[in-house]
Amino acid sequence: MYIISTVKLGNILDDLKHKFPNHQFKQCKLDELTDKDKENVEILISYDNKVDEKFLKSCKNLKWIAWYAAGVNHLPLDYIKSRDIILTNAKGVHKIQISEYIMSYIMTDYKSVIDFYELQQEKGYQTKIRHKELFNETICFLGTGQIAQAAAQKCKAFDMHVIGVNTDGRAVDSFDETYPTDDRQTAFKKSNIIVNVLPETKDTFHLISKQDFEAMGDEALFINVGRGSIVEEKVLVDVLKNNIIRKAAIDVYENEPLSPENDLYTLKNIIMTPHITGLSQHYNTRATEIFEFNLDLGIENKQAFKNLVNLEAGY
């Protein structure tokens, strides 16, 4: 099969060529593809946001998109379904690095790292700065997938109480309690820290309302490493301005990239990172392990593929 990667794979591509000599591989940027490439490509490895319906219509023989990202909300899922194109994603590739970032946000906040650094810059020396233990704190994860499970295990190492929220409240390993999404406010009221790890789907868009933040309470830390669209940005700004919650740590935003004039930059009770929690030096290696497993099975066995995306559900 003719396989094109718009992901820069380096030595990984050489390994693929060696392991799968019966397939033809090419690596280039999406906008460097020739008309012949588009016509002949059967498997596309990519996470380029330019993979839209217009582009896919030019790929007449495309059978499988190996999406090297977890979120597929930017892809034309209805069109992909109408063409019966296989779509896999990189779910699970992010669990180590994002769970580490979750813990870093928590520790930065609970141990007042930024406050102490600012004090250092002022050549100050004083101990009356807020610092708390994680012992016996309750953390709630909105979503109980692989990222949440990896973070939950780390939280348990700090003797934290871990709650999970998922669609039906089903029990999941590493969580002490679980609640259905419709009863999330009960979980929020019990929690000191709330972490969103949900993808963007029609069901999660603007899921978190002002009333949800009110249920969290004015001592809560809210962390978002899922998708920015979980909460309307103006609601988040209002909640933080009015101290409805104590602080937020945000890596994902409703509209990216942020403009310098964005109101979030004016707030004192927020830690912001530019959608980087999923990055890792091991990213492409892990994503390619999934791709290799599936390619070895062959597209005729697609139902056994790892990370086969449900095109109806959007994940």
Foldseek 3Di string as FASTA:
>chain_A
DEEEEQDPDPVVVVVVCVVCVVYHYYYHHPVPDDLVCLQPHAEYEEQDLPQEPVSNVSNVNHAEYLYLAQFPVSYPLVSCVVVNHWYFYLPPLQQPLLLVVVVVVVQCVQAVVVVVVVCVVVVHDDDPDHHDALAAAEEEEEDCDRNNQSNLVVSVVSNYAYEYEDQCFDDDPSHPGYDYLVPVLVVLLRHQEYEYAAADFPCQQQCDALVSLLSNALRHEYEYLHAQRSRDPVRVLVCQVVSSYQAYEYQHHPDPPDDPPDSVVVGDRYHYHPNPSRDDPCSVVSSVVLVVVDVVVPVVPVVPRPRGDDSVGRD
